[in-house]
């Protein structure tokens, strides 16, 4: 049975060598992400977000990274959605970036916290008007009678928002995943892939280790 990995070309990158890697994983992520952008990959910021209930029942979905810095990786959503409810009860998550065209993957695990209201306001106000209106009318993850219900609510709200400045709803905003581990995976010949894992220490420094593929 053929898999996507079987169909990847032979490694187009030099093997990852610990001596060549930066001490800070965010520096390596910045390099890799710049190469992703240069490769013209569709939705380069798409990442799988995995959450779980306190009982350990997991769920995963694809969201868009809307920024990263030395503190972590950010995304925005409805706080009342399934992922929002799970994060409220169990504030740990995993992220996975998969860039098949480059034969690379980044896996992240960390603690999640809401962004500030000011950060959420700034991003919300930067979105297209239609996206802002949709955030207001959508009770994300809840059962609804039909698509028409959403469309009617959207049209009614649009008529009320002639000035184009609807406020950010309190149930919508951003999260930051602050990593405790970041793993860089790179496709290698004969399935001898490279896996380098950075683990954050108590003093906020990082320790790198190679994992067997």
C-alpha atoms as a PDB file:
ATOM      1  CA  UNK A   1       0.000   0.000   0.000  1.00  0.00           C
ATOM      2  CA  UNK A   2       1.495   3.324  -1.074  1.00  0.00           C
ATOM      3  CA  UNK A   3       1.541   6.210   1.377  1.00  0.00           C
ATOM      4  CA  UNK A   4       2.242   9.894   0.977  1.00  0.00           C
ATOM      5  CA  UNK A   5       5.683   9.410   2.497  1.00  0.00           C
ATOM      6  CA  UNK A   6       6.492   6.713  -0.060  1.00  0.00           C
ATOM      7  CA  UNK A   7       5.790   9.259  -2.787  1.00  0.00           C
ATOM      8  CA  UNK A   8       8.038  11.957  -1.374  1.00  0.00           C
ATOM      9  CA  UNK A   9      11.147  12.703  -3.427  1.00  0.00           C
ATOM     10  CA  UNK A  10      14.503  11.792  -1.988  1.00  0.00           C
ATOM     11  CA  UNK A  11      15.632  14.324   0.587  1.00  0.00           C
ATOM     12  CA  UNK A  12      16.304  17.674  -1.029  1.00  0.00           C
ATOM     13  CA  UNK A  13      17.860  19.084   2.145  1.00  0.00           C
ATOM     14  CA  UNK A  14      21.126  18.200   3.800  1.00  0.00           C
ATOM     15  CA  UNK A  15      20.684  15.969   6.859  1.00  0.00           C
ATOM     16  CA  UNK A  16      20.099  17.853  10.089  1.00  0.00           C
ATOM     17  CA  UNK A  17      23.268  18.027  12.152  1.00  0.00           C
ATOM     18  CA  UNK A  18      23.105  19.066  15.774  1.00  0.00           C
ATOM     19  CA  UNK A  19      26.234  21.215  15.465  1.00  0.00           C
ATOM     20  CA  UNK A  20      24.543  23.303  12.762  1.00  0.00           C
ATOM     21  CA  UNK A  21      21.303  23.904  14.654  1.00  0.00           C
ATOM     22  CA  UNK A  22      20.612  27.093  16.627  1.00  0.00           C
ATOM     23  CA  UNK A  23      20.317  26.810  20.396  1.00  0.00           C
ATOM     24  CA  UNK A  24      16.841  28.360  20.289  1.00  0.00           C
ATOM     25  CA  UNK A  25      14.156  26.384  18.377  1.00  0.00           C
ATOM     26  CA  UNK A  26      12.275  29.565  17.454  1.00  0.00           C
ATOM     27  CA  UNK A  27      15.287  30.595  15.380  1.00  0.00           C
ATOM     28  CA  UNK A  28      15.136  27.314  13.480  1.00  0.00           C
ATOM     29  CA  UNK A  29      11.366  27.630  13.044  1.00  0.00           C
ATOM     30  CA  UNK A  30      11.866  31.126  11.608  1.00  0.00           C
ATOM     31  CA  UNK A  31      14.325  29.744   9.049  1.00  0.00           C
ATOM     32  CA  UNK A  32      12.077  26.861   8.085  1.00  0.00           C
ATOM     33  CA  UNK A  33       8.966  29.018   7.862  1.00  0.00           C
ATOM     34  CA  UNK A  34      10.731  31.521   5.604  1.00  0.00           C
ATOM     35  CA  UNK A  35      11.616  28.604   3.307  1.00  0.00           C
ATOM     36  CA  UNK A  36       7.984  27.454   3.375  1.00  0.00           C
ATOM     37  CA  UNK A  37       6.838  30.920   2.308  1.00  0.00           C
ATOM     38  CA  UNK A  38       9.422  30.969  -0.478  1.00  0.00           C
ATOM     39  CA  UNK A  39       8.222  27.557  -1.694  1.00  0.00           C
ATOM     40  CA  UNK A  40       4.734  28.937  -2.409  1.00  0.00           C
ATOM     41  CA  UNK A  41       2.989  26.220  -0.387  1.00  0.00           C
ATOM     42  CA  UNK A  42      -0.797  26.443  -0.122  1.00  0.00           C
ATOM     43  CA  UNK A  43      -1.847  27.661   3.339  1.00  0.00           C
ATOM     44  CA  UNK A  44       1.684  27.623   4.766  1.00  0.00           C
ATOM     45  CA  UNK A  45       0.409  28.619   8.214  1.00  0.00           C
ATOM     46  CA  UNK A  46      -2.068  25.733   8.475  1.00  0.00           C
ATOM     47  CA  UNK A  47      -1.461  23.604  11.547  1.00  0.00           C
ATOM     48  CA  UNK A  48      -3.276  20.744  13.198  1.00  0.00           C
ATOM     49  CA  UNK A  49      -4.390  21.664  16.702  1.00  0.00           C
ATOM     50  CA  UNK A  50      -5.038  18.767  19.076  1.00  0.00           C
ATOM     51  CA  UNK A  51      -6.839  19.264  22.373  1.00  0.00           C
ATOM     52  CA  UNK A  52      -8.265  16.858  24.929  1.00  0.00           C
ATOM     53  CA  UNK A  53     -10.844  16.696  27.672  1.00  0.00           C
ATOM     54  CA  UNK A  54      -9.702  16.255  31.285  1.00  0.00           C
ATOM     55  CA  UNK A  55     -10.617  12.569  30.831  1.00  0.00           C
ATOM     56  CA  UNK A  56      -8.128  12.312  27.954  1.00  0.00           C
ATOM     57  CA  UNK A  57     -10.542  12.165  25.013  1.00  0.00           C
ATOM     58  CA  UNK A  58      -8.733  13.910  22.139  1.00  0.00           C
ATOM     59  CA  UNK A  59      -9.940  15.923  19.174  1.00  0.00           C
ATOM     60  CA  UNK A  60      -8.002  17.577  16.359  1.00  0.00           C
ATOM     61  CA  UNK A  61      -8.676  20.103  13.624  1.00  0.00           C
ATOM     62  CA  UNK A  62      -6.719  22.383  11.286  1.00  0.00           C
ATOM     63  CA  UNK A  63      -6.425  26.058  12.250  1.00  0.00           C
ATOM     64  CA  UNK A  64      -4.243  28.884  10.962  1.00  0.00           C
ATOM     65  CA  UNK A  65      -1.250  30.206  12.851  1.00  0.00           C
ATOM     66  CA  UNK A  66      -1.649  33.974  13.038  1.00  0.00           C
ATOM     67  CA  UNK A  67       1.760  34.798  14.436  1.00  0.00           C
ATOM     68  CA  UNK A  68       4.618  33.475  16.528  1.00  0.00           C
ATOM     69  CA  UNK A  69       7.355  34.884  18.705  1.00  0.00           C
ATOM     70  CA  UNK A  70       9.638  33.734  21.493  1.00  0.00           C
ATOM     71  CA  UNK A  71       6.575  33.233  23.694  1.00  0.00           C
ATOM     72  CA  UNK A  72       4.742  30.823  21.409  1.00  0.00           C
ATOM     73  CA  UNK A  73       2.366  30.251  18.514  1.00  0.00           C
ATOM     74  CA  UNK A  74      -0.929  32.138  18.186  1.00  0.00           C
ATOM     75  CA  UNK A  75      -4.320  31.372  16.695  1.00  0.00           C
ATOM     76  CA  UNK A  76      -7.834  32.796  17.016  1.00  0.00           C
ATOM     77  CA  UNK A  77     -11.190  31.127  17.459  1.00  0.00           C
ATOM     78  CA  UNK A  78     -14.519  31.071  19.253  1.00  0.00           C
ATOM     79  CA  UNK A  79     -13.912  30.501  22.968  1.00  0.00           C
ATOM     80  CA  UNK A  80     -17.216  28.599  23.189  1.00  0.00           C
ATOM     81  CA  UNK A  81     -16.281  26.117  20.450  1.00  0.00           C
ATOM     82  CA  UNK A  82     -15.322  22.546  21.276  1.00  0.00           C
ATOM     83  CA  UNK A  83     -11.629  23.409  21.295  1.00  0.00           C
ATOM     84  CA  UNK A  84     -12.319  26.456  23.448  1.00  0.00           C
ATOM     85  CA  UNK A  85     -14.249  24.399  25.981  1.00  0.00           C
ATOM     86  CA  UNK A  86     -11.563  21.723  26.054  1.00  0.00           C
ATOM     87  CA  UNK A  87      -8.802  24.302  26.511  1.00  0.00           C
ATOM     88  CA  UNK A  88     -10.740  25.916  29.356  1.00  0.00           C
ATOM     89  CA  UNK A  89     -10.858  22.567  31.146  1.00  0.00           C
ATOM     90  CA  UNK A  90      -7.434  21.256  30.088  1.00  0.00           C
ATOM     91  CA  UNK A  91      -5.078  24.068  28.955  1.00  0.00           C
ATOM     92  CA  UNK A  92      -2.580  21.874  27.111  1.00  0.00           C
ATOM     93  CA  UNK A  93      -2.414  21.327  23.359  1.00  0.00           C
ATOM     94  CA  UNK A  94      -0.304  19.934  20.548  1.00  0.00           C
ATOM     95  CA  UNK A  95       0.351  21.546  17.169  1.00  0.00           C
ATOM     96  CA  UNK A  96       1.579  19.926  13.979  1.00  0.00           C
ATOM     97  CA  UNK A  97       2.810  21.680  10.844  1.00  0.00           C
ATOM     98  CA  UNK A  98       3.129  19.396   7.815  1.00  0.00           C
ATOM     99  CA  UNK A  99       4.853  20.777   4.706  1.00  0.00           C
ATOM    100  CA  UNK A 100       4.884  17.759   2.410  1.00  0.00           C
ATOM    101  CA  UNK A 101       6.351  19.638  -0.532  1.00  0.00           C
ATOM    102  CA  UNK A 102       9.499  20.209   1.509  1.00  0.00           C
ATOM    103  CA  UNK A 103       9.414  16.896   3.367  1.00  0.00           C
ATOM    104  CA  UNK A 104       9.295  18.662   6.712  1.00  0.00           C
ATOM    105  CA  UNK A 105       7.153  18.623   9.831  1.00  0.00           C
ATOM    106  CA  UNK A 106       7.215  20.534  13.110  1.00  0.00           C
ATOM    107  CA  UNK A 107       5.535  19.110  16.215  1.00  0.00           C
ATOM    108  CA  UNK A 108       4.833  21.310  19.230  1.00  0.00           C
ATOM    109  CA  UNK A 109       3.452  20.584  22.694  1.00  0.00           C
ATOM    110  CA  UNK A 110       2.708  23.244  25.245  1.00  0.00           C
ATOM    111  CA  UNK A 111       0.472  25.080  27.644  1.00  0.00           C
ATOM    112  CA  UNK A 112      -2.208  27.358  26.250  1.00  0.00           C
ATOM    113  CA  UNK A 113      -3.383  30.750  27.492  1.00  0.00           C
ATOM    114  CA  UNK A 114      -5.678  33.406  26.055  1.00  0.00           C
ATOM    115  CA  UNK A 115      -4.153  36.455  24.432  1.00  0.00           C
ATOM    116  CA  UNK A 116      -4.956  39.841  25.931  1.00  0.00           C
ATOM    117  CA  UNK A 117      -8.163  41.617  24.958  1.00  0.00           C
ATOM    118  CA  UNK A 118      -6.057  44.286  23.238  1.00  0.00           C
ATOM    119  CA  UNK A 119      -4.286  41.659  21.101  1.00  0.00           C
ATOM    120  CA  UNK A 120      -7.594  40.018  20.178  1.00  0.00           C
ATOM    121  CA  UNK A 121      -9.185  43.390  19.374  1.00  0.00           C
ATOM    122  CA  UNK A 122      -6.295  44.343  17.108  1.00  0.00           C
ATOM    123  CA  UNK A 123      -6.476  41.129  15.132  1.00  0.00           C
ATOM    124  CA  UNK A 124     -10.277  41.109  14.960  1.00  0.00           C
ATOM    125  CA  UNK A 125     -10.342  44.650  13.592  1.00  0.00           C
ATOM    126  CA  UNK A 126      -7.784  43.700  10.918  1.00  0.00           C
ATOM    127  CA  UNK A 127     -10.049  40.994   9.455  1.00  0.00           C
ATOM    128  CA  UNK A 128     -12.303  41.491   6.436  1.00  0.00           C
ATOM    129  CA  UNK A 129     -15.770  42.713   7.394  1.00  0.00           C
ATOM    130  CA  UNK A 130     -17.406  39.439   6.319  1.00  0.00           C
ATOM    131  CA  UNK A 131     -15.136  37.453   8.613  1.00  0.00           C
ATOM    132  CA  UNK A 132     -15.911  39.743  11.547  1.00  0.00           C
ATOM    133  CA  UNK A 133     -19.643  39.422  10.953  1.00  0.00           C
ATOM    134  CA  UNK A 134     -19.367  35.636  10.696  1.00  0.00           C
ATOM    135  CA  UNK A 135     -17.619  35.498  14.070  1.00  0.00           C
ATOM    136  CA  UNK A 136     -20.555  37.372  15.571  1.00  0.00           C
ATOM    137  CA  UNK A 137     -23.313  35.159  14.159  1.00  0.00           C
ATOM    138  CA  UNK A 138     -21.665  31.733  14.432  1.00  0.00           C
ATOM    139  CA  UNK A 139     -22.174  29.703  17.605  1.00  0.00           C
ATOM    140  CA  UNK A 140     -19.235  27.548  16.596  1.00  0.00           C
ATOM    141  CA  UNK A 141     -19.555  23.781  17.120  1.00  0.00           C
ATOM    142  CA  UNK A 142     -23.244  24.045  18.070  1.00  0.00           C
ATOM    143  CA  UNK A 143     -26.009  22.200  16.184  1.00  0.00           C
ATOM    144  CA  UNK A 144     -28.075  24.505  13.941  1.00  0.00           C
ATOM    145  CA  UNK A 145     -31.191  23.873  11.859  1.00  0.00           C
ATOM    146  CA  UNK A 146     -29.754  24.817   8.458  1.00  0.00           C
ATOM    147  CA  UNK A 147     -27.267  26.936   6.559  1.00  0.00           C
ATOM    148  CA  UNK A 148     -30.070  29.395   5.874  1.00  0.00           C
ATOM    149  CA  UNK A 149     -30.197  30.209   9.588  1.00  0.00           C
ATOM    150  CA  UNK A 150     -26.605  31.427   9.422  1.00  0.00           C
ATOM    151  CA  UNK A 151     -27.067  33.335   6.174  1.00  0.00           C
ATOM    152  CA  UNK A 152     -30.165  35.125   7.427  1.00  0.00           C
ATOM    153  CA  UNK A 153     -28.404  36.133  10.636  1.00  0.00           C
ATOM    154  CA  UNK A 154     -25.400  37.332   8.646  1.00  0.00           C
ATOM    155  CA  UNK A 155     -27.528  39.465   6.311  1.00  0.00           C
ATOM    156  CA  UNK A 156     -29.441  40.975   9.233  1.00  0.00           C
ATOM    157  CA  UNK A 157     -26.233  41.847  11.062  1.00  0.00           C
ATOM    158  CA  UNK A 158     -24.660  43.299   7.914  1.00  0.00           C
ATOM    159  CA  UNK A 159     -27.639  45.636   7.571  1.00  0.00           C
ATOM    160  CA  UNK A 160     -27.090  46.808  11.149  1.00  0.00           C
ATOM    161  CA  UNK A 161     -23.343  47.318  10.639  1.00  0.00           C
ATOM    162  CA  UNK A 162     -23.411  49.885   7.872  1.00  0.00           C
ATOM    163  CA  UNK A 163     -20.385  51.671   9.337  1.00  0.00           C
ATOM    164  CA  UNK A 164     -18.309  48.479   8.984  1.00  0.00           C
ATOM    165  CA  UNK A 165     -17.040  48.494  12.569  1.00  0.00           C
ATOM    166  CA  UNK A 166     -18.762  45.670  14.477  1.00  0.00           C
ATOM    167  CA  UNK A 167     -17.176  45.118  17.899  1.00  0.00           C
ATOM    168  CA  UNK A 168     -15.292  41.929  18.729  1.00  0.00           C
ATOM    169  CA  UNK A 169     -17.636  39.568  20.581  1.00  0.00           C
ATOM    170  CA  UNK A 170     -16.480  38.588  24.057  1.00  0.00           C
ATOM    171  CA  UNK A 171     -16.616  34.895  23.086  1.00  0.00           C
ATOM    172  CA  UNK A 172     -14.058  35.297  20.283  1.00  0.00           C
ATOM    173  CA  UNK A 173     -10.332  35.861  20.594  1.00  0.00           C
ATOM    174  CA  UNK A 174      -6.829  34.504  20.535  1.00  0.00           C
ATOM    175  CA  UNK A 175      -4.736  31.846  22.227  1.00  0.00           C
ATOM    176  CA  UNK A 176      -1.008  31.350  22.524  1.00  0.00           C
ATOM    177  CA  UNK A 177       0.564  27.896  22.754  1.00  0.00           C
ATOM    178  CA  UNK A 178       3.735  28.263  24.857  1.00  0.00           C
ATOM    179  CA  UNK A 179       5.891  25.253  23.914  1.00  0.00           C
ATOM    180  CA  UNK A 180       7.584  22.907  26.306  1.00  0.00           C
ATOM    181  CA  UNK A 181       8.817  20.770  23.399  1.00  0.00           C
ATOM    182  CA  UNK A 182       9.360  21.487  19.699  1.00  0.00           C
ATOM    183  CA  UNK A 183      10.382  18.686  17.349  1.00  0.00           C
ATOM    184  CA  UNK A 184      11.757  19.254  13.844  1.00  0.00           C
ATOM    185  CA  UNK A 185      11.257  16.320  11.484  1.00  0.00           C
ATOM    186  CA  UNK A 186      12.865  16.101   8.048  1.00  0.00           C
ATOM    187  CA  UNK A 187      12.390  13.405   5.433  1.00  0.00           C
ATOM    188  CA  UNK A 188      15.484  11.311   4.784  1.00  0.00           C
ATOM    189  CA  UNK A 189      16.431   8.559   2.338  1.00  0.00           C
ATOM    190  CA  UNK A 190      15.393   4.988   3.137  1.00  0.00           C
ATOM    191  CA  UNK A 191      13.133   6.344   5.906  1.00  0.00           C
ATOM    192  CA  UNK A 192      16.141   7.405   7.963  1.00  0.00           C
ATOM    193  CA  UNK A 193      14.402  10.646   8.792  1.00  0.00           C
ATOM    194  CA  UNK A 194      15.943  13.324  11.006  1.00  0.00           C
ATOM    195  CA  UNK A 195      14.162  14.131  14.266  1.00  0.00           C
ATOM    196  CA  UNK A 196      15.561  16.816  16.530  1.00  0.00           C
ATOM    197  CA  UNK A 197      13.604  17.636  19.678  1.00  0.00           C
ATOM    198  CA  UNK A 198      14.081  20.761  21.772  1.00  0.00           C
ATOM    199  CA  UNK A 199      12.859  20.622  25.383  1.00  0.00           C
ATOM    200  CA  UNK A 200      12.445  23.762  27.487  1.00  0.00           C
ATOM    201  CA  UNK A 201      14.190  23.662  30.854  1.00  0.00           C
ATOM    202  CA  UNK A 202      13.191  25.274  34.148  1.00  0.00           C
ATOM    203  CA  UNK A 203      15.594  28.174  33.445  1.00  0.00           C
ATOM    204  CA  UNK A 204      13.875  28.722  30.035  1.00  0.00           C
ATOM    205  CA  UNK A 205      16.883  27.435  28.111  1.00  0.00           C
ATOM    206  CA  UNK A 206      16.460  24.593  25.612  1.00  0.00           C
ATOM    207  CA  UNK A 207      18.074  21.163  25.421  1.00  0.00           C
ATOM    208  CA  UNK A 208      18.243  19.445  22.046  1.00  0.00           C
ATOM    209  CA  UNK A 209      18.208  15.669  21.520  1.00  0.00           C
ATOM    210  CA  UNK A 210      18.090  13.440  18.459  1.00  0.00           C
ATOM    211  CA  UNK A 211      15.262  10.918  18.264  1.00  0.00           C
ATOM    212  CA  UNK A 212      15.343   7.691  16.304  1.00  0.00           C
ATOM    213  CA  UNK A 213      13.064   7.775  13.269  1.00  0.00           C
END
